[in-house]
């Protein structure tokens, strides 16, 4: 399985004028790889994909692939509420050399479970890339059922899920319905360690943008059976995992990365930079984690 361990839900850096900062994006990708991240996820929620133009979306993935140089897999974001547009984007990403796509459940139009099945089957049948489903009811307003996911898992290129339901009974129920080979990835940093204990295979992490080495170490500790190390890293990250979600992602994480000097905290409307209260929480948590003096 290409996508297991720690994957980073990459932020997209912008200049002060709001344009894409390609130079900074390249340095962010290199830092992630140098710090031991297992795979990269550009153009997801943390990457502000709804505010990217189609051309920018492709360019972010292209740069990520260029800098990854095959050293780690690239799972590119390709989701939305228009099935035909998602299919065309997935085809373009395959041509570019992406290793797979992360595809969020259709938001706003809220399809039925059968509609979800047909949406993903159309993507699957029209493209040749592995697909990781992304189930995040808090953002999309719809929850894919275990039964629907089990149906989709019968399709050969639907290989896993990013689960952001925060339901820690879900991984065990999924394993019973589908089996252990279906790659379940946590989409919730605060419960990433517990998700592993419930049968998960890794995490697509927001926190890894600012603490890639620690997030990778947590996943490696579980794989190595070193529970003492896992607990130590988990406890250092716990305040940070909480602080990064005191306001809507990616406002806090962009501020956190900016404190390390790796990018500006710029976001595109309708999102705003982190508030003073959120900044205080982020800075304090980073100090606790040993990321700031």
Protein backbone atom coordinates (compact mmCIF):
# COMPACT_ATOMS: atom_id res chain seq x y z
CA UNK A 1 0.00 0.00 0.00
CA UNK A 2 1.44 3.31 -1.13
CA UNK A 3 -0.49 5.46 1.31
CA UNK A 4 0.16 4.50 4.90
CA UNK A 5 2.03 5.98 7.83
CA UNK A 6 2.09 9.77 7.94
CA UNK A 7 0.89 11.81 4.99
CA UNK A 8 0.87 15.60 5.10
CA UNK A 9 -2.23 17.55 4.07
CA UNK A 10 -0.09 20.27 2.52
CA UNK A 11 -0.85 23.96 2.90
CA UNK A 12 -0.67 26.09 -0.23
CA UNK A 13 1.59 29.14 0.29
CA UNK A 14 0.53 32.50 -1.12
CA UNK A 15 2.39 35.76 -1.52
CA UNK A 16 1.21 38.98 0.08
CA UNK A 17 -0.61 39.84 -3.16
CA UNK A 18 -2.52 36.56 -3.00
CA UNK A 19 -0.69 34.79 -5.84
CA UNK A 20 0.71 31.28 -5.59
CA UNK A 21 4.21 31.23 -4.06
CA UNK A 22 5.89 28.50 -6.07
CA UNK A 23 9.34 28.95 -4.55
CA UNK A 24 8.01 28.51 -1.02
CA UNK A 25 5.91 25.51 -2.05
CA UNK A 26 9.03 23.78 -3.32
CA UNK A 27 10.84 24.37 -0.03
CA UNK A 28 7.83 23.10 1.96
CA UNK A 29 7.77 19.87 -0.03
CA UNK A 30 11.50 19.33 0.42
CA UNK A 31 11.23 19.90 4.17
CA UNK A 32 8.48 17.32 4.47
CA UNK A 33 10.52 14.68 2.69
CA UNK A 34 13.69 15.47 4.63
CA UNK A 35 11.77 15.07 7.91
CA UNK A 36 10.56 11.59 7.04
CA UNK A 37 6.98 12.02 5.87
CA UNK A 38 5.64 8.92 4.08
CA UNK A 39 3.48 10.60 1.44
CA UNK A 40 2.22 14.04 0.42
CA UNK A 41 -1.32 15.29 -0.13
CA UNK A 42 -1.50 18.57 -2.10
CA UNK A 43 -4.74 20.40 -2.92
CA UNK A 44 -6.92 19.14 -0.11
CA UNK A 45 -8.85 21.18 2.42
CA UNK A 46 -5.62 22.34 4.09
CA UNK A 47 -4.40 23.43 0.67
CA UNK A 48 -7.42 25.73 0.21
CA UNK A 49 -8.40 23.82 -2.90
CA UNK A 50 -11.82 25.53 -3.21
CA UNK A 51 -10.04 28.85 -3.78
CA UNK A 52 -7.53 27.56 -6.33
CA UNK A 53 -8.16 28.00 -10.03
CA UNK A 54 -7.99 24.86 -12.13
CA UNK A 55 -4.63 25.97 -13.49
CA UNK A 56 -3.28 26.62 -9.98
CA UNK A 57 -4.54 23.26 -8.76
CA UNK A 58 -2.62 21.46 -11.48
CA UNK A 59 0.45 23.62 -10.90
CA UNK A 60 0.54 22.84 -7.16
CA UNK A 61 0.42 19.12 -7.90
CA UNK A 62 3.02 19.48 -10.65
CA UNK A 63 5.47 21.24 -8.32
CA UNK A 64 4.87 18.67 -5.59
CA UNK A 65 5.63 15.86 -8.03
CA UNK A 66 8.75 17.64 -9.29
CA UNK A 67 10.14 18.07 -5.78
CA UNK A 68 9.08 14.63 -4.56
CA UNK A 69 11.04 13.07 -7.43
CA UNK A 70 9.46 9.69 -6.73
CA UNK A 71 10.95 9.54 -3.23
CA UNK A 72 7.47 9.60 -1.66
CA UNK A 73 4.04 9.04 -3.23
CA UNK A 74 1.82 11.99 -4.06
CA UNK A 75 -1.90 11.65 -3.32
CA UNK A 76 -3.48 14.60 -5.10
CA UNK A 77 -6.79 16.15 -4.12
CA UNK A 78 -9.55 15.62 -6.70
CA UNK A 79 -13.03 15.95 -5.27
CA UNK A 80 -16.16 17.99 -5.63
CA UNK A 81 -19.88 18.02 -6.21
CA UNK A 82 -19.73 17.76 -10.03
CA UNK A 83 -18.88 14.19 -10.98
CA UNK A 84 -17.93 15.03 -14.57
CA UNK A 85 -15.48 17.74 -13.45
CA UNK A 86 -13.88 15.41 -10.89
CA UNK A 87 -13.43 12.77 -13.59
CA UNK A 88 -11.68 15.24 -15.90
CA UNK A 89 -9.42 16.48 -13.11
CA UNK A 90 -8.51 12.92 -12.12
CA UNK A 91 -7.58 12.16 -15.72
CA UNK A 92 -5.30 15.20 -15.84
CA UNK A 93 -3.66 14.24 -12.56
CA UNK A 94 -2.99 10.74 -13.84
CA UNK A 95 -1.34 12.17 -16.96
CA UNK A 96 0.86 14.36 -14.74
CA UNK A 97 2.08 11.34 -12.78
CA UNK A 98 0.14 11.51 -9.50
CA UNK A 99 0.23 8.25 -7.57
CA UNK A 100 -3.41 8.45 -6.51
CA UNK A 101 -6.25 10.82 -5.73
CA UNK A 102 -7.97 11.83 -2.51
CA UNK A 103 -11.61 12.48 -3.35
CA UNK A 104 -13.95 14.16 -0.87
CA UNK A 105 -17.63 13.26 -0.74
CA UNK A 106 -19.77 15.68 -2.78
CA UNK A 107 -20.69 18.65 -0.62
CA UNK A 108 -23.67 21.01 -0.74
CA UNK A 109 -25.85 18.91 -3.07
CA UNK A 110 -25.83 16.05 -0.49
CA UNK A 111 -26.45 12.91 -2.61
CA UNK A 112 -28.03 9.75 -1.27
CA UNK A 113 -25.88 6.74 -0.43
CA UNK A 114 -26.67 5.34 -3.89
CA UNK A 115 -25.66 8.68 -5.39
CA UNK A 116 -22.36 8.49 -3.51
CA UNK A 117 -21.76 5.00 -4.84
CA UNK A 118 -22.44 5.99 -8.44
CA UNK A 119 -20.31 9.16 -8.12
CA UNK A 120 -17.26 7.22 -7.02
CA UNK A 121 -17.88 4.34 -9.41
CA UNK A 122 -17.90 6.82 -12.29
CA UNK A 123 -14.57 8.27 -11.14
CA UNK A 124 -13.16 4.77 -10.66
CA UNK A 125 -14.28 3.52 -14.06
CA UNK A 126 -13.07 6.63 -15.90
CA UNK A 127 -9.57 6.87 -14.46
CA UNK A 128 -6.76 4.48 -13.70
CA UNK A 129 -5.54 5.91 -10.41
CA UNK A 130 -5.92 4.46 -6.91
CA UNK A 131 -8.60 6.36 -5.01
CA UNK A 132 -8.71 7.22 -1.31
CA UNK A 133 -12.20 8.25 -0.29
CA UNK A 134 -12.48 11.26 2.01
CA UNK A 135 -15.34 11.17 4.49
CA UNK A 136 -15.63 14.43 6.43
CA UNK A 137 -19.26 15.00 7.44
CA UNK A 138 -18.45 18.15 9.42
CA UNK A 139 -17.48 19.96 6.21
CA UNK A 140 -19.65 18.28 3.59
CA UNK A 141 -22.90 17.72 5.45
CA UNK A 142 -23.03 14.07 4.43
CA UNK A 143 -21.66 10.88 5.97
CA UNK A 144 -20.81 7.88 3.80
CA UNK A 145 -22.10 4.76 5.51
CA UNK A 146 -19.99 1.71 6.26
CA UNK A 147 -22.25 -0.25 3.91
CA UNK A 148 -21.65 2.14 0.99
CA UNK A 149 -17.93 2.11 1.64
CA UNK A 150 -17.94 -1.69 1.65
CA UNK A 151 -19.64 -1.68 -1.77
CA UNK A 152 -17.06 0.75 -3.12
CA UNK A 153 -14.19 -1.27 -1.67
CA UNK A 154 -15.13 -4.10 -4.04
CA UNK A 155 -13.90 -1.90 -6.90
CA UNK A 156 -10.18 -2.65 -7.39
CA UNK A 157 -8.85 0.91 -7.42
CA UNK A 158 -10.80 2.21 -4.41
CA UNK A 159 -8.15 1.31 -1.88
CA UNK A 160 -8.87 3.24 1.31
CA UNK A 161 -10.47 6.10 3.17
CA UNK A 162 -9.46 9.25 5.00
CA UNK A 163 -11.84 9.13 7.94
CA UNK A 164 -12.59 12.47 9.57
CA UNK A 165 -15.75 11.39 11.36
CA UNK A 166 -14.00 11.41 14.79
CA UNK A 167 -15.86 8.13 15.46
CA UNK A 168 -13.31 5.72 16.89
CA UNK A 169 -15.69 2.78 16.56
CA UNK A 170 -15.58 3.28 12.81
CA UNK A 171 -12.22 1.62 12.01
CA UNK A 172 -13.14 -1.67 13.68
CA UNK A 173 -16.56 -1.72 12.04
CA UNK A 174 -14.89 -1.02 8.70
CA UNK A 175 -12.42 -3.86 9.17
CA UNK A 176 -15.25 -6.25 9.94
CA UNK A 177 -17.19 -5.14 6.85
CA UNK A 178 -14.31 -4.90 4.37
CA UNK A 179 -11.20 -6.55 5.79
CA UNK A 180 -7.75 -5.39 6.87
CA UNK A 181 -6.38 -4.62 3.41
CA UNK A 182 -8.62 -1.57 2.96
CA UNK A 183 -6.36 1.29 4.03
CA UNK A 184 -8.00 3.34 6.75
CA UNK A 185 -6.29 6.68 7.40
CA UNK A 186 -7.22 9.08 10.17
CA UNK A 187 -8.23 12.57 9.16
CA UNK A 188 -8.21 13.80 12.76
CA UNK A 189 -4.82 14.61 14.32
CA UNK A 190 -6.11 14.66 17.93
CA UNK A 191 -7.16 11.00 17.70
CA UNK A 192 -4.51 9.73 15.28
CA UNK A 193 -2.82 7.48 17.85
CA UNK A 194 -6.11 6.00 19.03
CA UNK A 195 -7.13 5.43 15.41
CA UNK A 196 -4.08 3.20 14.95
CA UNK A 197 -5.09 1.11 17.95
CA UNK A 198 -8.52 0.64 16.40
CA UNK A 199 -7.09 -0.76 13.18
CA UNK A 200 -5.96 2.28 11.22
CA UNK A 201 -2.96 2.35 8.90
CA UNK A 202 -1.90 5.97 9.26
CA UNK A 203 -2.97 9.59 9.21
CA UNK A 204 -3.37 12.37 6.68
CA UNK A 205 -2.15 15.05 9.01
CA UNK A 206 -2.61 18.80 9.28
CA UNK A 207 -0.16 18.99 12.20
CA UNK A 208 2.58 17.48 10.03
CA UNK A 209 2.84 20.78 8.18
CA UNK A 210 4.50 22.25 11.27
CA UNK A 211 5.84 19.12 13.01
CA UNK A 212 6.57 16.58 10.25
CA UNK A 213 9.34 14.73 12.10
CA UNK A 214 7.21 14.19 15.21
CA UNK A 215 4.13 13.15 13.26
CA UNK A 216 6.19 10.69 11.24
CA UNK A 217 7.80 9.42 14.45
CA UNK A 218 4.42 8.72 16.00
CA UNK A 219 3.42 6.52 13.08
CA UNK A 220 6.81 4.81 13.01
CA UNK A 221 6.62 4.07 16.73
CA UNK A 222 3.33 2.26 16.26
CA UNK A 223 4.71 0.27 13.34
CA UNK A 224 7.77 -0.68 15.41
CA UNK A 225 5.67 -1.64 18.42
CA UNK A 226 7.35 1.01 20.56
CA UNK A 227 4.36 2.08 22.63
CA UNK A 228 6.44 4.07 25.10
CA UNK A 229 7.79 6.26 22.31
CA UNK A 230 4.34 6.57 20.75
CA UNK A 231 2.92 7.79 24.05
CA UNK A 232 5.75 10.28 24.51
CA UNK A 233 5.31 11.79 21.04
CA UNK A 234 1.52 11.74 21.32
CA UNK A 235 1.62 13.68 24.58
CA UNK A 236 3.98 16.31 23.17
CA UNK A 237 1.67 16.81 20.19
CA UNK A 238 -1.63 16.81 22.08
CA UNK A 239 -1.81 20.57 22.86
CA UNK A 240 -0.70 21.41 19.32
CA UNK A 241 -3.27 19.09 17.74
CA UNK A 242 -5.94 20.92 19.71
CA UNK A 243 -4.66 24.43 19.08
CA UNK A 244 -4.53 23.93 15.32
CA UNK A 245 -8.29 23.49 15.26
CA UNK A 246 -9.43 26.29 17.59
CA UNK A 247 -10.43 28.07 14.38
CA UNK A 248 -11.22 26.68 10.98
CA UNK A 249 -8.37 24.87 9.21
CA UNK A 250 -6.04 26.03 7.65
CA UNK A 251 -5.94 29.41 9.42
CA UNK A 252 -4.10 28.18 12.56
CA UNK A 253 -1.74 25.84 10.72
CA UNK A 254 -0.66 28.55 8.30
CA UNK A 255 0.12 30.80 11.24
CA UNK A 256 2.06 27.96 12.88
CA UNK A 257 4.17 27.36 9.77
CA UNK A 258 4.77 31.11 9.49
CA UNK A 259 6.20 31.17 13.03
CA UNK A 260 8.91 28.81 11.81
CA UNK A 261 9.65 31.14 8.91
CA UNK A 262 8.57 28.69 6.22
CA UNK A 263 5.70 30.67 4.68
CA UNK A 264 3.44 33.66 5.25
CA UNK A 265 0.09 33.22 7.04
CA UNK A 266 -1.77 34.51 3.97
CA UNK A 267 -5.11 32.90 3.11
CA UNK A 268 -7.67 33.58 0.42
CA UNK A 269 -11.13 34.85 1.19
CA UNK A 270 -13.53 33.83 2.56
CA UNK A 271 -10.98 32.51 5.08
CA UNK A 272 -9.13 34.94 7.33
CA UNK A 273 -5.83 34.77 9.16
CA UNK A 274 -5.90 33.35 12.68
CA UNK A 275 -7.26 35.66 15.37
CA UNK A 276 -5.05 36.95 18.20
CA UNK A 277 -6.60 34.40 20.57
CA UNK A 278 -5.90 31.54 18.17
CA UNK A 279 -2.36 32.77 17.59
CA UNK A 280 -1.69 32.76 21.31
CA UNK A 281 -2.95 29.19 21.60
CA UNK A 282 -0.84 28.04 18.64
CA UNK A 283 2.33 29.70 19.87
CA UNK A 284 1.94 28.24 23.37
CA UNK A 285 1.33 24.74 21.99
CA UNK A 286 4.35 24.98 19.70
CA UNK A 287 6.52 25.94 22.65
CA UNK A 288 5.19 22.94 24.61
CA UNK A 289 6.05 20.68 21.67
CA UNK A 290 9.59 22.07 21.53
CA UNK A 291 9.11 23.71 18.13
CA UNK A 292 9.75 27.24 19.41
CA UNK A 293 12.15 28.54 22.03
